[in-house]
Amino acid sequence: MFDNKHPWFVPLYRRVLIIAVCFLWLVVESIANQPFWQIISFAVLIYAIWTFLYTYEPPENTSGKQD
């Protein structure tokens, strides 16, 4: 879907921030009582947790320089 090996995702706080935004989106949709968007935002949240916390492996070259 996208390149989660990009050096921008190396710091943990950035990955956690993305997950927090997804969680806030879920909260907003829950408050608004929008079941369709609740399911979509929940799926995105689970995908973000899976991608950025559970299976994340930092790229080999984290210095930003390419050979």
PDB file of N, CA and C in Angstrom:
ATOM      1  N   MET A   1       0.829  -1.187   0.000  1.00  0.00           N
ATOM      2  CA  MET A   1       0.000   0.000   0.000  1.00  0.00           C
ATOM      3  C   MET A   1       0.874   1.252   0.000  1.00  0.00           C
ATOM      4  N   PHE A   2       1.845   1.306   0.863  1.00  0.00           N
ATOM      5  CA  PHE A   2       2.787   2.417   0.886  1.00  0.00           C
ATOM      6  C   PHE A   2       4.105   1.917   1.458  1.00  0.00           C
ATOM      7  N   ASP A   3       5.100   2.754   1.404  1.00  0.00           N
ATOM      8  CA  ASP A   3       6.447   2.355   1.830  1.00  0.00           C
ATOM      9  C   ASP A   3       6.617   2.637   3.319  1.00  0.00           C
ATOM     10  N   ASN A   4       6.380   1.627   4.149  1.00  0.00           N
ATOM     11  CA  ASN A   4       6.561   1.831   5.584  1.00  0.00           C
ATOM     12  C   ASN A   4       8.016   1.673   6.003  1.00  0.00           C
ATOM     13  N   LYS A   5       8.914   1.447   5.052  1.00  0.00           N
ATOM     14  CA  LYS A   5      10.350   1.395   5.335  1.00  0.00           C
ATOM     15  C   LYS A   5      11.015   2.756   5.117  1.00  0.00           C
ATOM     16  N   HIS A   6      10.223   3.767   4.858  1.00  0.00           N
ATOM     17  CA  HIS A   6      10.759   5.112   4.635  1.00  0.00           C
ATOM     18  C   HIS A   6      11.428   5.604   5.921  1.00  0.00           C
ATOM     19  N   PRO A   7      12.556   6.296   5.796  1.00  0.00           N
ATOM     20  CA  PRO A   7      13.273   6.774   6.995  1.00  0.00           C
ATOM     21  C   PRO A   7      12.441   7.701   7.883  1.00  0.00           C
ATOM     22  N   TRP A   8      11.404   8.315   7.365  1.00  0.00           N
ATOM     23  CA  TRP A   8      10.579   9.208   8.170  1.00  0.00           C
ATOM     24  C   TRP A   8       9.880   8.456   9.298  1.00  0.00           C
ATOM     25  N   PHE A   9       9.631   7.170   9.120  1.00  0.00           N
ATOM     26  CA  PHE A   9       8.921   6.373  10.127  1.00  0.00           C
ATOM     27  C   PHE A   9       9.843   5.772  11.188  1.00  0.00           C
ATOM     28  N   VAL A  10      11.137   6.024  11.133  1.00  0.00           N
ATOM     29  CA  VAL A  10      12.073   5.401  12.080  1.00  0.00           C
ATOM     30  C   VAL A  10      11.813   5.836  13.520  1.00  0.00           C
ATOM     31  N   PRO A  11      11.657   7.132  13.835  1.00  0.00           N
ATOM     32  CA  PRO A  11      11.407   7.495  15.242  1.00  0.00           C
ATOM     33  C   PRO A  11      10.061   6.947  15.725  1.00  0.00           C
ATOM     34  N   LEU A  12      10.068   6.372  16.902  1.00  0.00           N
ATOM     35  CA  LEU A  12       8.866   5.766  17.464  1.00  0.00           C
ATOM     36  C   LEU A  12       7.750   6.790  17.662  1.00  0.00           C
ATOM     37  N   TYR A  13       8.081   8.010  18.060  1.00  0.00           N
ATOM     38  CA  TYR A  13       7.041   8.997  18.344  1.00  0.00           C
ATOM     39  C   TYR A  13       6.210   9.317  17.099  1.00  0.00           C
ATOM     40  N   ARG A  14       6.808   9.264  15.916  1.00  0.00           N
ATOM     41  CA  ARG A  14       6.044   9.523  14.694  1.00  0.00           C
ATOM     42  C   ARG A  14       5.045   8.412  14.415  1.00  0.00           C
ATOM     43  N   ARG A  15       5.465   7.186  14.642  1.00  0.00           N
ATOM     44  CA  ARG A  15       4.563   6.058  14.426  1.00  0.00           C
ATOM     45  C   ARG A  15       3.430   6.074  15.446  1.00  0.00           C
ATOM     46  N   VAL A  16       3.751   6.410  16.692  1.00  0.00           N
ATOM     47  CA  VAL A  16       2.719   6.502  17.726  1.00  0.00           C
ATOM     48  C   VAL A  16       1.772   7.662  17.436  1.00  0.00           C
ATOM     49  N   LEU A  17       2.282   8.756  16.904  1.00  0.00           N
ATOM     50  CA  LEU A  17       1.439   9.894  16.552  1.00  0.00           C
ATOM     51  C   LEU A  17       0.439   9.527  15.463  1.00  0.00           C
ATOM     52  N   ILE A  18       0.862   8.768  14.485  1.00  0.00           N
ATOM     53  CA  ILE A  18      -0.055   8.317  13.431  1.00  0.00           C
ATOM     54  C   ILE A  18      -1.163   7.453  14.027  1.00  0.00           C
ATOM     55  N   ILE A  19      -0.791   6.573  14.941  1.00  0.00           N
ATOM     56  CA  ILE A  19      -1.781   5.717  15.596  1.00  0.00           C
ATOM     57  C   ILE A  19      -2.730   6.546  16.449  1.00  0.00           C
ATOM     58  N   ALA A  20      -2.211   7.562  17.123  1.00  0.00           N
ATOM     59  CA  ALA A  20      -3.065   8.438  17.936  1.00  0.00           C
ATOM     60  C   ALA A  20      -4.065   9.201  17.076  1.00  0.00           C
ATOM     61  N   VAL A  21      -3.634   9.660  15.917  1.00  0.00           N
ATOM     62  CA  VAL A  21      -4.553  10.367  15.009  1.00  0.00           C
ATOM     63  C   VAL A  21      -5.648   9.423  14.540  1.00  0.00           C
ATOM     64  N   CYS A  22      -5.295   8.196  14.224  1.00  0.00           N
ATOM     65  CA  CYS A  22      -6.301   7.208  13.821  1.00  0.00           C
ATOM     66  C   CYS A  22      -7.286   6.940  14.959  1.00  0.00           C
ATOM     67  N   PHE A  23      -6.774   6.873  16.191  1.00  0.00           N
ATOM     68  CA  PHE A  23      -7.654   6.661  17.342  1.00  0.00           C
ATOM     69  C   PHE A  23      -8.593   7.853  17.535  1.00  0.00           C
ATOM     70  N   LEU A  24      -8.065   9.068  17.388  1.00  0.00           N
ATOM     71  CA  LEU A  24      -8.919  10.256  17.518  1.00  0.00           C
ATOM     72  C   LEU A  24      -9.991  10.284  16.442  1.00  0.00           C
ATOM     73  N   TRP A  25      -9.641   9.839  15.240  1.00  0.00           N
ATOM     74  CA  TRP A  25     -10.625   9.752  14.168  1.00  0.00           C
ATOM     75  C   TRP A  25     -11.741   8.781  14.570  1.00  0.00           C
ATOM     76  N   LEU A  26     -11.380   7.658  15.162  1.00  0.00           N
ATOM     77  CA  LEU A  26     -12.375   6.695  15.625  1.00  0.00           C
ATOM     78  C   LEU A  26     -13.270   7.302  16.703  1.00  0.00           C
ATOM     79  N   VAL A  27     -12.683   8.058  17.621  1.00  0.00           N
ATOM     80  CA  VAL A  27     -13.467   8.696  18.683  1.00  0.00           C
ATOM     81  C   VAL A  27     -14.455   9.694  18.097  1.00  0.00           C
ATOM     82  N   VAL A  28     -14.003  10.503  17.148  1.00  0.00           N
ATOM     83  CA  VAL A  28     -14.886  11.490  16.525  1.00  0.00           C
ATOM     84  C   VAL A  28     -16.054  10.805  15.820  1.00  0.00           C
ATOM     85  N   GLU A  29     -15.766   9.743  15.094  1.00  0.00           N
ATOM     86  CA  GLU A  29     -16.835   9.029  14.395  1.00  0.00           C
ATOM     87  C   GLU A  29     -17.769   8.335  15.374  1.00  0.00           C
ATOM     88  N   SER A  30     -17.251   7.910  16.518  1.00  0.00           N
ATOM     89  CA  SER A  30     -18.112   7.289  17.525  1.00  0.00           C
ATOM     90  C   SER A  30     -19.029   8.321  18.165  1.00  0.00           C
ATOM     91  N   ILE A  31     -18.497   9.502  18.423  1.00  0.00           N
ATOM     92  CA  ILE A  31     -19.323  10.575  18.989  1.00  0.00           C
ATOM     93  C   ILE A  31     -20.396  10.998  18.001  1.00  0.00           C
ATOM     94  N   ALA A  32     -20.036  11.048  16.723  1.00  0.00           N
ATOM     95  CA  ALA A  32     -20.991  11.451  15.689  1.00  0.00           C
ATOM     96  C   ALA A  32     -21.979  10.333  15.342  1.00  0.00           C
ATOM     97  N   ASN A  33     -21.747   9.141  15.892  1.00  0.00           N
ATOM     98  CA  ASN A  33     -22.617   7.990  15.668  1.00  0.00           C
ATOM     99  C   ASN A  33     -22.765   7.665  14.180  1.00  0.00           C
ATOM    100  N   GLN A  34     -21.628   7.505  13.533  1.00  0.00           N
ATOM    101  CA  GLN A  34     -21.571   7.149  12.116  1.00  0.00           C
ATOM    102  C   GLN A  34     -21.010   5.732  11.992  1.00  0.00           C
ATOM    103  N   PRO A  35     -21.856   4.708  11.972  1.00  0.00           N
ATOM    104  CA  PRO A  35     -21.365   3.328  12.009  1.00  0.00           C
ATOM    105  C   PRO A  35     -20.453   2.955  10.844  1.00  0.00           C
ATOM    106  N   PHE A  36     -20.761   3.403   9.646  1.00  0.00           N
ATOM    107  CA  PHE A  36     -19.921   3.064   8.498  1.00  0.00           C
ATOM    108  C   PHE A  36     -18.511   3.606   8.686  1.00  0.00           C
ATOM    109  N   TRP A  37     -18.395   4.880   9.073  1.00  0.00           N
ATOM    110  CA  TRP A  37     -17.080   5.480   9.252  1.00  0.00           C
ATOM    111  C   TRP A  37     -16.389   4.970  10.507  1.00  0.00           C
ATOM    112  N   GLN A  38     -17.153   4.515  11.484  1.00  0.00           N
ATOM    113  CA  GLN A  38     -16.545   3.875  12.648  1.00  0.00           C
ATOM    114  C   GLN A  38     -15.818   2.600  12.232  1.00  0.00           C
ATOM    115  N   ILE A  39     -16.442   1.813  11.386  1.00  0.00           N
ATOM    116  CA  ILE A  39     -15.819   0.573  10.925  1.00  0.00           C
ATOM    117  C   ILE A  39     -14.572   0.874  10.106  1.00  0.00           C
ATOM    118  N   ILE A  40     -14.665   1.866   9.214  1.00  0.00           N
ATOM    119  CA  ILE A  40     -13.507   2.237   8.396  1.00  0.00           C
ATOM    120  C   ILE A  40     -12.364   2.736   9.277  1.00  0.00           C
ATOM    121  N   SER A  41     -12.656   3.632  10.207  1.00  0.00           N
ATOM    122  CA  SER A  41     -11.593   4.177  11.051  1.00  0.00           C
ATOM    123  C   SER A  41     -11.028   3.116  11.992  1.00  0.00           C
ATOM    124  N   PHE A  42     -11.853   2.190  12.442  1.00  0.00           N
ATOM    125  CA  PHE A  42     -11.356   1.092  13.267  1.00  0.00           C
ATOM    126  C   PHE A  42     -10.407   0.208  12.463  1.00  0.00           C
ATOM    127  N   ALA A  43     -10.757  -0.070  11.225  1.00  0.00           N
ATOM    128  CA  ALA A  43      -9.897  -0.886  10.364  1.00  0.00           C
ATOM    129  C   ALA A  43      -8.562  -0.188  10.113  1.00  0.00           C
ATOM    130  N   VAL A  44      -8.587   1.122   9.875  1.00  0.00           N
ATOM    131  CA  VAL A  44      -7.351   1.875   9.660  1.00  0.00           C
ATOM    132  C   VAL A  44      -6.510   1.872  10.935  1.00  0.00           C
ATOM    133  N   LEU A  45      -7.145   2.006  12.082  1.00  0.00           N
ATOM    134  CA  LEU A  45      -6.428   1.972  13.352  1.00  0.00           C
ATOM    135  C   LEU A  45      -5.749   0.621  13.567  1.00  0.00           C
ATOM    136  N   ILE A  46      -6.458  -0.456  13.324  1.00  0.00           N
ATOM    137  CA  ILE A  46      -5.870  -1.789  13.489  1.00  0.00           C
ATOM    138  C   ILE A  46      -4.717  -1.985  12.514  1.00  0.00           C
ATOM    139  N   TYR A  47      -4.889  -1.535  11.271  1.00  0.00           N
ATOM    140  CA  TYR A  47      -3.820  -1.649  10.278  1.00  0.00           C
ATOM    141  C   TYR A  47      -2.588  -0.844  10.705  1.00  0.00           C
ATOM    142  N   ALA A  48      -2.803   0.357  11.230  1.00  0.00           N
ATOM    143  CA  ALA A  48      -1.683   1.193  11.673  1.00  0.00           C
ATOM    144  C   ALA A  48      -0.951   0.557  12.848  1.00  0.00           C
ATOM    145  N   ILE A  49      -1.689   0.011  13.787  1.00  0.00           N
ATOM    146  CA  ILE A  49      -1.053  -0.665  14.920  1.00  0.00           C
ATOM    147  C   ILE A  49      -0.241  -1.856  14.425  1.00  0.00           C
ATOM    148  N   TRP A  50      -0.827  -2.644  13.542  1.00  0.00           N
ATOM    149  CA  TRP A  50      -0.144  -3.825  13.002  1.00  0.00           C
ATOM    150  C   TRP A  50       1.129  -3.414  12.250  1.00  0.00           C
ATOM    151  N   THR A  51       1.020  -2.376  11.409  1.00  0.00           N
ATOM    152  CA  THR A  51       2.134  -1.973  10.557  1.00  0.00           C
ATOM    153  C   THR A  51       3.233  -1.254  11.330  1.00  0.00           C
ATOM    154  N   PHE A  52       2.861  -0.335  12.214  1.00  0.00           N
ATOM    155  CA  PHE A  52       3.849   0.534  12.840  1.00  0.00           C
ATOM    156  C   PHE A  52       4.356   0.069  14.201  1.00  0.00           C
ATOM    157  N   LEU A  53       3.678  -0.853  14.831  1.00  0.00           N
ATOM    158  CA  LEU A  53       4.158  -1.327  16.129  1.00  0.00           C
ATOM    159  C   LEU A  53       4.500  -2.810  16.118  1.00  0.00           C
ATOM    160  N   TYR A  54       3.596  -3.610  15.608  1.00  0.00           N
ATOM    161  CA  TYR A  54       3.771  -5.055  15.726  1.00  0.00           C
ATOM    162  C   TYR A  54       4.784  -5.622  14.733  1.00  0.00           C
ATOM    163  N   THR A  55       4.700  -5.234  13.474  1.00  0.00           N
ATOM    164  CA  THR A  55       5.580  -5.828  12.457  1.00  0.00           C
ATOM    165  C   THR A  55       6.628  -4.864  11.921  1.00  0.00           C
ATOM    166  N   TYR A  56       6.775  -3.693  12.520  1.00  0.00           N
ATOM    167  CA  TYR A  56       7.709  -2.698  11.992  1.00  0.00           C
ATOM    168  C   TYR A  56       9.159  -3.143  12.173  1.00  0.00           C
ATOM    169  N   GLU A  57       9.920  -3.041  11.104  1.00  0.00           N
ATOM    170  CA  GLU A  57      11.359  -3.259  11.140  1.00  0.00           C
ATOM    171  C   GLU A  57      12.007  -2.047  10.484  1.00  0.00           C
ATOM    172  N   PRO A  58      12.921  -1.378  11.173  1.00  0.00           N
ATOM    173  CA  PRO A  58      13.534  -0.185  10.592  1.00  0.00           C
ATOM    174  C   PRO A  58      14.329  -0.537   9.337  1.00  0.00           C
ATOM    175  N   PRO A  59      14.442   0.398   8.417  1.00  0.00           N
ATOM    176  CA  PRO A  59      15.216   0.124   7.204  1.00  0.00           C
ATOM    177  C   PRO A  59      16.692  -0.069   7.536  1.00  0.00           C
ATOM    178  N   GLU A  60      17.386  -0.695   6.628  1.00  0.00           N
ATOM    179  CA  GLU A  60      18.814  -0.973   6.827  1.00  0.00           C
ATOM    180  C   GLU A  60      19.608   0.315   6.973  1.00  0.00           C
ATOM    181  N   ASN A  61      19.363   1.279   6.080  1.00  0.00           N
ATOM    182  CA  ASN A  61      20.132   2.527   6.051  1.00  0.00           C
ATOM    183  C   ASN A  61      19.265   3.642   6.613  1.00  0.00           C
ATOM    184  N   THR A  62      19.455   4.005   7.874  1.00  0.00           N
ATOM    185  CA  THR A  62      18.644   5.028   8.513  1.00  0.00           C
ATOM    186  C   THR A  62      19.316   6.396   8.506  1.00  0.00           C
ATOM    187  N   SER A  63      20.472   6.535   7.881  1.00  0.00           N
ATOM    188  CA  SER A  63      21.180   7.809   7.887  1.00  0.00           C
ATOM    189  C   SER A  63      20.596   8.796   6.884  1.00  0.00           C
ATOM    190  N   GLY A  64      19.741   8.320   5.976  1.00  0.00           N
ATOM    191  CA  GLY A  64      19.168   9.204   4.981  1.00  0.00           C
ATOM    192  C   GLY A  64      19.986   9.289   3.708  1.00  0.00           C
ATOM    193  N   LYS A  65      21.170   8.732   3.725  1.00  0.00           N
ATOM    194  CA  LYS A  65      22.029   8.737   2.531  1.00  0.00           C
ATOM    195  C   LYS A  65      21.806   7.478   1.737  1.00  0.00           C
ATOM    196  N   GLN A  66      21.786   7.641   0.432  1.00  0.00           N
ATOM    197  CA  GLN A  66      21.634   6.476  -0.428  1.00  0.00           C
ATOM    198  C   GLN A  66      22.960   6.187  -1.087  1.00  0.00           C
ATOM    199  N   ASP A  67      23.261   4.909  -1.241  1.00  0.00           N
ATOM    200  CA  ASP A  67      24.530   4.514  -1.873  1.00  0.00           C
ATOM    201  C   ASP A  67      24.476   4.685  -3.363  1.00  0.00           C
TER     202      ASP A  67
END
